[in-house]
Amino acid sequence: CKADFVHQIAIALKETNETDYRLELLHQSEFVT
């Protein structure tokens, strides 16, 4: 249903935000150029 769709997309958004944060940490530690 639409509510389930929104929930799944919201989870994907949360995961993307977490990935973005971890990417920033990798960059700050100079692991990523």
Full PDB file with SEQRES, HELIX, SHEET, SSBOND, CRYST1, ORIGX, SCALE, CONECT and MASTER records, all heavy atoms in Angstrom:
SEQRES   1 A   33  CYS LYS ALA ASP PHE VAL HIS GLN ILE ALA ILE ALA LEU          
SEQRES   2 A   33  LYS GLU THR ASN GLU THR ASP TYR ARG LEU GLU LEU LEU          
SEQRES   3 A   33  HIS GLN SER GLU PHE VAL THR                                  
HELIX    1 AA1 LYS A    2  GLN A   28  1                                  27    
CRYST1    1.000    1.000    1.000  90.00  90.00  90.00 P 1           1          
ORIGX1      1.000000  0.000000  0.000000        0.00000                         
ORIGX2      0.000000  1.000000  0.000000        0.00000                         
ORIGX3      0.000000  0.000000  1.000000        0.00000                         
SCALE1      1.000000  0.000000  0.000000        0.00000                         
SCALE2      0.000000  1.000000  0.000000        0.00000                         
SCALE3      0.000000  0.000000  1.000000        0.00000                         
ATOM      1  N   CYS A   1       0.856  -1.186   0.000  1.00  0.00           N  
ATOM      2  CA  CYS A   1       0.000   0.000   0.000  1.00  0.00           C  
ATOM      3  C   CYS A   1       0.894   1.238   0.000  1.00  0.00           C  
ATOM      4  O   CYS A   1       2.112   1.143   0.122  1.00  0.00           O  
ATOM      5  CB  CYS A   1      -0.927   0.010   1.208  1.00  0.00           C  
ATOM      6  SG  CYS A   1      -0.053   0.088   2.772  1.00  0.00           S  
ATOM      7  N   LYS A   2       0.279   2.399  -0.150  1.00  0.00           N  
ATOM      8  CA  LYS A   2       1.053   3.638  -0.203  1.00  0.00           C  
ATOM      9  C   LYS A   2       1.841   3.868   1.087  1.00  0.00           C  
ATOM     10  O   LYS A   2       2.991   4.293   1.046  1.00  0.00           O  
ATOM     11  CB  LYS A   2       0.153   4.833  -0.490  1.00  0.00           C  
ATOM     12  CG  LYS A   2       0.951   6.128  -0.677  1.00  0.00           C  
ATOM     13  CD  LYS A   2       0.083   7.240  -1.171  1.00  0.00           C  
ATOM     14  CE  LYS A   2       0.145   7.169  -2.672  1.00  0.00           C  
ATOM     15  NZ  LYS A   2      -0.367   8.345  -3.340  1.00  0.00           N  
ATOM     16  N   ALA A   3       1.235   3.567   2.230  1.00  0.00           N  
ATOM     17  CA  ALA A   3       1.929   3.756   3.509  1.00  0.00           C  
ATOM     18  C   ALA A   3       3.174   2.877   3.584  1.00  0.00           C  
ATOM     19  O   ALA A   3       4.224   3.304   4.066  1.00  0.00           O  
ATOM     20  CB  ALA A   3       0.988   3.466   4.676  1.00  0.00           C  
ATOM     21  N   ASP A   4       3.061   1.654   3.094  1.00  0.00           N  
ATOM     22  CA  ASP A   4       4.200   0.740   3.067  1.00  0.00           C  
ATOM     23  C   ASP A   4       5.288   1.279   2.130  1.00  0.00           C  
ATOM     24  O   ASP A   4       6.478   1.229   2.446  1.00  0.00           O  
ATOM     25  CB  ASP A   4       3.749  -0.646   2.626  1.00  0.00           C  
ATOM     26  CG  ASP A   4       4.832  -1.702   2.776  1.00  0.00           C  
ATOM     27  OD1 ASP A   4       5.659  -1.578   3.696  1.00  0.00           O  
ATOM     28  OD2 ASP A   4       4.833  -2.661   1.966  1.00  0.00           O  
ATOM     29  N   PHE A   5       4.877   1.805   0.985  1.00  0.00           N  
ATOM     30  CA  PHE A   5       5.821   2.405   0.034  1.00  0.00           C  
ATOM     31  C   PHE A   5       6.588   3.550   0.685  1.00  0.00           C  
ATOM     32  O   PHE A   5       7.817   3.604   0.622  1.00  0.00           O  
ATOM     33  CB  PHE A   5       5.067   2.901  -1.199  1.00  0.00           C  
ATOM     34  CG  PHE A   5       5.914   3.693  -2.152  1.00  0.00           C  
ATOM     35  CD1 PHE A   5       6.765   3.048  -3.043  1.00  0.00           C  
ATOM     36  CD2 PHE A   5       5.874   5.079  -2.161  1.00  0.00           C  
ATOM     37  CE1 PHE A   5       7.560   3.771  -3.919  1.00  0.00           C  
ATOM     38  CE2 PHE A   5       6.658   5.814  -3.033  1.00  0.00           C  
ATOM     39  CZ  PHE A   5       7.506   5.159  -3.915  1.00  0.00           C  
ATOM     40  N   VAL A   6       5.864   4.464   1.330  1.00  0.00           N  
ATOM     41  CA  VAL A   6       6.508   5.606   1.980  1.00  0.00           C  
ATOM     42  C   VAL A   6       7.460   5.121   3.072  1.00  0.00           C  
ATOM     43  O   VAL A   6       8.574   5.629   3.201  1.00  0.00           O  
ATOM     44  CB  VAL A   6       5.448   6.576   2.562  1.00  0.00           C  
ATOM     45  CG1 VAL A   6       6.103   7.658   3.408  1.00  0.00           C  
ATOM     46  CG2 VAL A   6       4.638   7.201   1.437  1.00  0.00           C  
ATOM     47  N   HIS A   7       7.034   4.131   3.821  1.00  0.00           N  
ATOM     48  CA  HIS A   7       7.886   3.584   4.879  1.00  0.00           C  
ATOM     49  C   HIS A   7       9.185   3.017   4.305  1.00  0.00           C  
ATOM     50  O   HIS A   7      10.269   3.271   4.840  1.00  0.00           O  
ATOM     51  CB  HIS A   7       7.128   2.507   5.653  1.00  0.00           C  
ATOM     52  CG  HIS A   7       7.923   1.846   6.715  1.00  0.00           C  
ATOM     53  ND1 HIS A   7       8.284   2.471   7.883  1.00  0.00           N  
ATOM     54  CD2 HIS A   7       8.452   0.604   6.778  1.00  0.00           C  
ATOM     55  CE1 HIS A   7       8.999   1.650   8.618  1.00  0.00           C  
ATOM     56  NE2 HIS A   7       9.120   0.504   7.968  1.00  0.00           N  
ATOM     57  N   GLN A   8       9.089   2.265   3.232  1.00  0.00           N  
ATOM     58  CA  GLN A   8      10.283   1.669   2.616  1.00  0.00           C  
ATOM     59  C   GLN A   8      11.215   2.741   2.049  1.00  0.00           C  
ATOM     60  O   GLN A   8      12.439   2.645   2.172  1.00  0.00           O  
ATOM     61  CB  GLN A   8       9.887   0.673   1.520  1.00  0.00           C  
ATOM     62  CG  GLN A   8       9.155  -0.545   2.036  1.00  0.00           C  
ATOM     63  CD  GLN A   8       9.981  -1.384   2.986  1.00  0.00           C  
ATOM     64  OE1 GLN A   8      11.200  -1.443   2.903  1.00  0.00           O  
ATOM     65  NE2 GLN A   8       9.309  -2.028   3.913  1.00  0.00           N  
ATOM     66  N   ILE A   9      10.647   3.776   1.437  1.00  0.00           N  
ATOM     67  CA  ILE A   9      11.467   4.862   0.906  1.00  0.00           C  
ATOM     68  C   ILE A   9      12.127   5.619   2.053  1.00  0.00           C  
ATOM     69  O   ILE A   9      13.291   6.023   1.962  1.00  0.00           O  
ATOM     70  CB  ILE A   9      10.630   5.808   0.013  1.00  0.00           C  
ATOM     71  CG1 ILE A   9      10.146   5.076  -1.234  1.00  0.00           C  
ATOM     72  CG2 ILE A   9      11.429   7.055  -0.366  1.00  0.00           C  
ATOM     73  CD1 ILE A   9      11.240   4.629  -2.189  1.00  0.00           C  
ATOM     74  N   ALA A  10      11.397   5.807   3.159  1.00  0.00           N  
ATOM     75  CA  ALA A  10      11.965   6.483   4.324  1.00  0.00           C  
ATOM     76  C   ALA A  10      13.138   5.687   4.901  1.00  0.00           C  
ATOM     77  O   ALA A  10      14.134   6.279   5.339  1.00  0.00           O  
ATOM     78  CB  ALA A  10      10.894   6.712   5.383  1.00  0.00           C  
ATOM     79  N   ILE A  11      13.034   4.381   4.883  1.00  0.00           N  
ATOM     80  CA  ILE A  11      14.148   3.539   5.338  1.00  0.00           C  
ATOM     81  C   ILE A  11      15.342   3.716   4.395  1.00  0.00           C  
ATOM     82  O   ILE A  11      16.484   3.843   4.846  1.00  0.00           O  
ATOM     83  CB  ILE A  11      13.732   2.060   5.431  1.00  0.00           C  
ATOM     84  CG1 ILE A  11      12.736   1.868   6.572  1.00  0.00           C  
ATOM     85  CG2 ILE A  11      14.954   1.162   5.623  1.00  0.00           C  
ATOM     86  CD1 ILE A  11      12.106   0.490   6.621  1.00  0.00           C  
ATOM     87  N   ALA A  12      15.084   3.745   3.103  1.00  0.00           N  
ATOM     88  CA  ALA A  12      16.168   3.959   2.140  1.00  0.00           C  
ATOM     89  C   ALA A  12      16.827   5.315   2.374  1.00  0.00           C  
ATOM     90  O   ALA A  12      18.055   5.443   2.284  1.00  0.00           O  
ATOM     91  CB  ALA A  12      15.629   3.868   0.716  1.00  0.00           C  
ATOM     92  N   LEU A  13      16.033   6.332   2.700  1.00  0.00           N  
ATOM     93  CA  LEU A  13      16.570   7.659   2.996  1.00  0.00           C  
ATOM     94  C   LEU A  13      17.454   7.615   4.233  1.00  0.00           C  
ATOM     95  O   LEU A  13      18.560   8.178   4.251  1.00  0.00           O  
ATOM     96  CB  LEU A  13      15.428   8.661   3.181  1.00  0.00           C  
ATOM     97  CG  LEU A  13      15.815  10.070   3.606  1.00  0.00           C  
ATOM     98  CD1 LEU A  13      16.771  10.705   2.610  1.00  0.00           C  
ATOM     99  CD2 LEU A  13      14.561  10.924   3.775  1.00  0.00           C  
ATOM    100  N   LYS A  14      17.000   6.937   5.261  1.00  0.00           N  
ATOM    101  CA  LYS A  14      17.788   6.802   6.493  1.00  0.00           C  
ATOM    102  C   LYS A  14      19.116   6.103   6.201  1.00  0.00           C  
ATOM    103  O   LYS A  14      20.176   6.541   6.680  1.00  0.00           O  
ATOM    104  CB  LYS A  14      16.977   6.003   7.520  1.00  0.00           C  
ATOM    105  CG  LYS A  14      17.644   5.860   8.853  1.00  0.00           C  
ATOM    106  CD  LYS A  14      16.730   5.101   9.818  1.00  0.00           C  
ATOM    107  CE  LYS A  14      17.411   4.893  11.148  1.00  0.00           C  
ATOM    108  NZ  LYS A  14      16.574   4.141  12.082  1.00  0.00           N  
ATOM    109  N   GLU A  15      19.082   5.058   5.426  1.00  0.00           N  
ATOM    110  CA  GLU A  15      20.303   4.327   5.074  1.00  0.00           C  
ATOM    111  C   GLU A  15      21.248   5.191   4.230  1.00  0.00           C  
ATOM    112  O   GLU A  15      22.467   5.141   4.395  1.00  0.00           O  
ATOM    113  CB  GLU A  15      19.956   3.034   4.336  1.00  0.00           C  
ATOM    114  CG  GLU A  15      19.188   2.034   5.165  1.00  0.00           C  
ATOM    115  CD  GLU A  15      19.991   1.468   6.326  1.00  0.00           C  
ATOM    116  OE1 GLU A  15      21.225   1.387   6.236  1.00  0.00           O  
ATOM    117  OE2 GLU A  15      19.356   1.115   7.343  1.00  0.00           O  
ATOM    118  N   THR A  16      20.684   5.979   3.338  1.00  0.00           N  
ATOM    119  CA  THR A  16      21.505   6.862   2.508  1.00  0.00           C  
ATOM    120  C   THR A  16      22.168   7.933   3.354  1.00  0.00           C  
ATOM    121  O   THR A  16      23.344   8.254   3.154  1.00  0.00           O  
ATOM    122  CB  THR A  16      20.654   7.503   1.393  1.00  0.00           C  
ATOM    123  OG1 THR A  16      20.014   6.470   0.641  1.00  0.00           O  
ATOM    124  CG2 THR A  16      21.511   8.333   0.454  1.00  0.00           C  
ATOM    125  N   ASN A  17      21.430   8.479   4.318  1.00  0.00           N  
ATOM    126  CA  ASN A  17      22.021   9.460   5.229  1.00  0.00           C  
ATOM    127  C   ASN A  17      23.152   8.851   6.041  1.00  0.00           C  
ATOM    128  O   ASN A  17      24.195   9.484   6.249  1.00  0.00           O  
ATOM    129  CB  ASN A  17      20.957  10.040   6.168  1.00  0.00           C  
ATOM    130  CG  ASN A  17      20.165  11.144   5.533  1.00  0.00           C  
ATOM    131  OD1 ASN A  17      20.720  12.011   4.869  1.00  0.00           O  
ATOM    132  ND2 ASN A  17      18.861  11.115   5.720  1.00  0.00           N  
ATOM    133  N   GLU A  18      22.969   7.621   6.486  1.00  0.00           N  
ATOM    134  CA  GLU A  18      24.016   6.947   7.249  1.00  0.00           C  
ATOM    135  C   GLU A  18      25.247   6.697   6.372  1.00  0.00           C  
ATOM    136  O   GLU A  18      26.382   6.892   6.811  1.00  0.00           O  
ATOM    137  CB  GLU A  18      23.497   5.623   7.813  1.00  0.00           C  
ATOM    138  CG  GLU A  18      24.519   4.930   8.688  1.00  0.00           C  
ATOM    139  CD  GLU A  18      23.983   3.668   9.343  1.00  0.00           C  
ATOM    140  OE1 GLU A  18      22.755   3.544   9.503  1.00  0.00           O  
ATOM    141  OE2 GLU A  18      24.812   2.815   9.677  1.00  0.00           O  
ATOM    142  N   THR A  19      25.023   6.290   5.145  1.00  0.00           N  
ATOM    143  CA  THR A  19      26.126   6.077   4.212  1.00  0.00           C  
ATOM    144  C   THR A  19      26.876   7.379   3.962  1.00  0.00           C  
ATOM    145  O   THR A  19      28.112   7.403   3.915  1.00  0.00           O  
ATOM    146  CB  THR A  19      25.599   5.499   2.884  1.00  0.00           C  
ATOM    147  OG1 THR A  19      24.957   4.253   3.155  1.00  0.00           O  
ATOM    148  CG2 THR A  19      26.719   5.307   1.877  1.00  0.00           C  
ATOM    149  N   ASP A  20      26.140   8.471   3.824  1.00  0.00           N  
ATOM    150  CA  ASP A  20      26.749   9.783   3.629  1.00  0.00           C  
ATOM    151  C   ASP A  20      27.638  10.146   4.814  1.00  0.00           C  
ATOM    152  O   ASP A  20      28.752  10.646   4.646  1.00  0.00           O  
ATOM    153  CB  ASP A  20      25.648  10.828   3.430  1.00  0.00           C  
ATOM    154  CG  ASP A  20      26.184  12.153   2.966  1.00  0.00           C  
ATOM    155  OD1 ASP A  20      26.866  12.182   1.914  1.00  0.00           O  
ATOM    156  OD2 ASP A  20      25.940  13.170   3.655  1.00  0.00           O  
ATOM    157  N   TYR A  21      27.162   9.878   6.018  1.00  0.00           N  
ATOM    158  CA  TYR A  21      27.941  10.147   7.233  1.00  0.00           C  
ATOM    159  C   TYR A  21      29.225   9.319   7.252  1.00  0.00           C  
ATOM    160  O   TYR A  21      30.306   9.827   7.541  1.00  0.00           O  
ATOM    161  CB  TYR A  21      27.081   9.847   8.464  1.00  0.00           C  
ATOM    162  CG  TYR A  21      27.853   9.866   9.756  1.00  0.00           C  
ATOM    163  CD1 TYR A  21      28.304  11.067  10.307  1.00  0.00           C  
ATOM    164  CD2 TYR A  21      28.137   8.691  10.433  1.00  0.00           C  
ATOM    165  CE1 TYR A  21      29.010  11.093  11.490  1.00  0.00           C  
ATOM    166  CE2 TYR A  21      28.848   8.701  11.614  1.00  0.00           C  
ATOM    167  CZ  TYR A  21      29.281   9.899  12.150  1.00  0.00           C  
ATOM    168  OH  TYR A  21      29.992   9.907  13.322  1.00  0.00           O  
ATOM    169  N   ARG A  22      29.098   8.048   6.930  1.00  0.00           N  
ATOM    170  CA  ARG A  22      30.285   7.175   6.930  1.00  0.00           C  
ATOM    171  C   ARG A  22      31.284   7.586   5.847  1.00  0.00           C  
ATOM    172  O   ARG A  22      32.492   7.508   6.036  1.00  0.00           O  
ATOM    173  CB  ARG A  22      29.869   5.721   6.759  1.00  0.00           C  
ATOM    174  CG  ARG A  22      29.157   5.200   7.983  1.00  0.00           C  
ATOM    175  CD  ARG A  22      28.629   3.804   7.773  1.00  0.00           C  
ATOM    176  NE  ARG A  22      27.830   3.406   8.905  1.00  0.00           N  
ATOM    177  CZ  ARG A  22      28.057   2.312   9.609  1.00  0.00           C  
ATOM    178  NH1 ARG A  22      29.041   1.506   9.286  1.00  0.00           N  
ATOM    179  NH2 ARG A  22      27.275   2.015  10.628  1.00  0.00           N  
ATOM    180  N   LEU A  23      30.769   8.039   4.731  1.00  0.00           N  
ATOM    181  CA  LEU A  23      31.638   8.544   3.669  1.00  0.00           C  
ATOM    182  C   LEU A  23      32.434   9.748   4.168  1.00  0.00           C  
ATOM    183  O   LEU A  23      33.636   9.859   3.913  1.00  0.00           O  
ATOM    184  CB  LEU A  23      30.812   8.922   2.444  1.00  0.00           C  
ATOM    185  CG  LEU A  23      31.566   9.563   1.292  1.00  0.00           C  
ATOM    186  CD1 LEU A  23      32.625   8.625   0.739  1.00  0.00           C  
ATOM    187  CD2 LEU A  23      30.596   9.977   0.202  1.00  0.00           C  
ATOM    188  N   GLU A  24      31.755  10.626   4.886  1.00  0.00           N  
ATOM    189  CA  GLU A  24      32.426  11.791   5.462  1.00  0.00           C  
ATOM    190  C   GLU A  24      33.529  11.363   6.424  1.00  0.00           C  
ATOM    191  O   GLU A  24      34.633  11.926   6.408  1.00  0.00           O  
ATOM    192  CB  GLU A  24      31.411  12.683   6.182  1.00  0.00           C  
ATOM    193  CG  GLU A  24      31.997  13.919   6.814  1.00  0.00           C  
ATOM    194  CD  GLU A  24      32.506  14.933   5.800  1.00  0.00           C  
ATOM    195  OE1 GLU A  24      31.863  15.106   4.759  1.00  0.00           O  
ATOM    196  OE2 GLU A  24      33.564  15.553   6.062  1.00  0.00           O  
ATOM    197  N   LEU A  25      33.270  10.356   7.239  1.00  0.00           N  
ATOM    198  CA  LEU A  25      34.291   9.860   8.157  1.00  0.00           C  
ATOM    199  C   LEU A  25      35.490   9.286   7.402  1.00  0.00           C  
ATOM    200  O   LEU A  25      36.646   9.516   7.789  1.00  0.00           O  
ATOM    201  CB  LEU A  25      33.705   8.792   9.082  1.00  0.00           C  
ATOM    202  CG  LEU A  25      32.673   9.245  10.100  1.00  0.00           C  
ATOM    203  CD1 LEU A  25      32.144   8.048  10.890  1.00  0.00           C  
ATOM    204  CD2 LEU A  25      33.257  10.286  11.043  1.00  0.00           C  
ATOM    205  N   LEU A  26      35.216   8.542   6.341  1.00  0.00           N  
ATOM    206  CA  LEU A  26      36.295   7.987   5.531  1.00  0.00           C  
ATOM    207  C   LEU A  26      37.133   9.095   4.904  1.00  0.00           C  
ATOM    208  O   LEU A  26      38.358   8.999   4.827  1.00  0.00           O  
ATOM    209  CB  LEU A  26      35.740   7.064   4.448  1.00  0.00           C  
ATOM    210  CG  LEU A  26      35.180   5.735   4.930  1.00  0.00           C  
ATOM    211  CD1 LEU A  26      34.435   5.036   3.798  1.00  0.00           C  
ATOM    212  CD2 LEU A  26      36.287   4.851   5.474  1.00  0.00           C  
ATOM    213  N   HIS A  27      36.474  10.146   4.484  1.00  0.00           N  
ATOM    214  CA  HIS A  27      37.182  11.270   3.889  1.00  0.00           C  
ATOM    215  C   HIS A  27      38.034  11.989   4.939  1.00  0.00           C  
ATOM    216  O   HIS A  27      39.197  12.306   4.691  1.00  0.00           O  
ATOM    217  CB  HIS A  27      36.184  12.244   3.242  1.00  0.00           C  
ATOM    218  CG  HIS A  27      36.833  13.410   2.604  1.00  0.00           C  
ATOM    219  ND1 HIS A  27      36.670  14.685   3.069  1.00  0.00           N  
ATOM    220  CD2 HIS A  27      37.667  13.498   1.536  1.00  0.00           C  
ATOM    221  CE1 HIS A  27      37.373  15.518   2.321  1.00  0.00           C  
ATOM    222  NE2 HIS A  27      37.979  14.819   1.379  1.00  0.00           N  
ATOM    223  N   GLN A  28      37.464  12.216   6.111  1.00  0.00           N  
ATOM    224  CA  GLN A  28      38.209  12.902   7.173  1.00  0.00           C  
ATOM    225  C   GLN A  28      39.413  12.103   7.633  1.00  0.00           C  
ATOM    226  O   GLN A  28      40.424  12.681   8.029  1.00  0.00           O  
ATOM    227  CB  GLN A  28      37.293  13.190   8.360  1.00  0.00           C  
ATOM    228  CG  GLN A  28      36.289  14.279   8.091  1.00  0.00           C  
ATOM    229  CD  GLN A  28      35.334  14.484   9.258  1.00  0.00           C  
ATOM    230  OE1 GLN A  28      35.431  13.853  10.300  1.00  0.00           O  
ATOM    231  NE2 GLN A  28      34.381  15.391   9.057  1.00  0.00           N  
ATOM    232  N   SER A  29      39.312  10.794   7.579  1.00  0.00           N  
ATOM    233  CA  SER A  29      40.439   9.946   7.975  1.00  0.00           C  
ATOM    234  C   SER A  29      41.436   9.745   6.838  1.00  0.00           C  
ATOM    235  O   SER A  29      42.411   9.016   6.989  1.00  0.00           O  
ATOM    236  CB  SER A  29      39.929   8.586   8.452  1.00  0.00           C  
ATOM    237  OG  SER A  29      39.373   7.862   7.379  1.00  0.00           O  
ATOM    238  N   GLU A  30      41.163  10.398   5.711  1.00  0.00           N  
ATOM    239  CA  GLU A  30      42.008  10.351   4.521  1.00  0.00           C  
ATOM    240  C   GLU A  30      42.077   8.955   3.901  1.00  0.00           C  
ATOM    241  O   GLU A  30      43.013   8.629   3.184  1.00  0.00           O  
ATOM    242  CB  GLU A  30      43.400  10.900   4.820  1.00  0.00           C  
ATOM    243  CG  GLU A  30      43.361  12.359   5.250  1.00  0.00           C  
ATOM    244  CD  GLU A  30      44.733  12.941   5.543  1.00  0.00           C  
ATOM    245  OE1 GLU A  30      45.741  12.202   5.474  1.00  0.00           O  
ATOM    246  OE2 GLU A  30      44.783  14.138   5.849  1.00  0.00           O  
ATOM    247  N   PHE A  31      41.081   8.135   4.187  1.00  0.00           N  
ATOM    248  CA  PHE A  31      40.986   6.825   3.554  1.00  0.00           C  
ATOM    249  C   PHE A  31      40.465   6.967   2.133  1.00  0.00           C  
ATOM    250  O   PHE A  31      40.763   6.152   1.264  1.00  0.00           O  
ATOM    251  CB  PHE A  31      40.073   5.916   4.379  1.00  0.00           C  
ATOM    252  CG  PHE A  31      40.097   4.480   3.955  1.00  0.00           C  
ATOM    253  CD1 PHE A  31      41.122   3.642   4.364  1.00  0.00           C  
ATOM    254  CD2 PHE A  31      39.095   3.961   3.154  1.00  0.00           C  
ATOM    255  CE1 PHE A  31      41.148   2.314   3.964  1.00  0.00           C  
ATOM    256  CE2 PHE A  31      39.110   2.639   2.750  1.00  0.00           C  
ATOM    257  CZ  PHE A  31      40.148   1.816   3.162  1.00  0.00           C  
ATOM    258  N   VAL A  32      39.682   8.024   1.900  1.00  0.00           N  
ATOM    259  CA  VAL A  32      39.120   8.332   0.587  1.00  0.00           C  
ATOM    260  C   VAL A  32      39.719   9.653   0.120  1.00  0.00           C  
ATOM    261  O   VAL A  32      39.772  10.619   0.879  1.00  0.00           O  
ATOM    262  CB  VAL A  32      37.583   8.452   0.670  1.00  0.00           C  
ATOM    263  CG1 VAL A  32      36.989   8.905  -0.645  1.00  0.00           C  
ATOM    264  CG2 VAL A  32      36.970   7.135   1.111  1.00  0.00           C  
ATOM    265  N   THR A  33      40.189   9.689  -1.110  1.00  0.00           N  
ATOM    266  CA  THR A  33      40.794  10.909  -1.641  1.00  0.00           C  
ATOM    267  C   THR A  33      39.746  11.998  -1.836  1.00  0.00           C  
ATOM    268  O   THR A  33      38.551  11.722  -1.917  1.00  0.00           O  
ATOM    269  CB  THR A  33      41.474  10.646  -2.999  1.00  0.00           C  
ATOM    270  OG1 THR A  33      40.460  10.299  -3.951  1.00  0.00           O  
ATOM    271  CG2 THR A  33      42.524   9.549  -2.896  1.00  0.00           C  
TER     272      THR A  33                                                      
MASTER        0    0    0    1    0    0    0    6  271    1    0    3          
END                                                                             
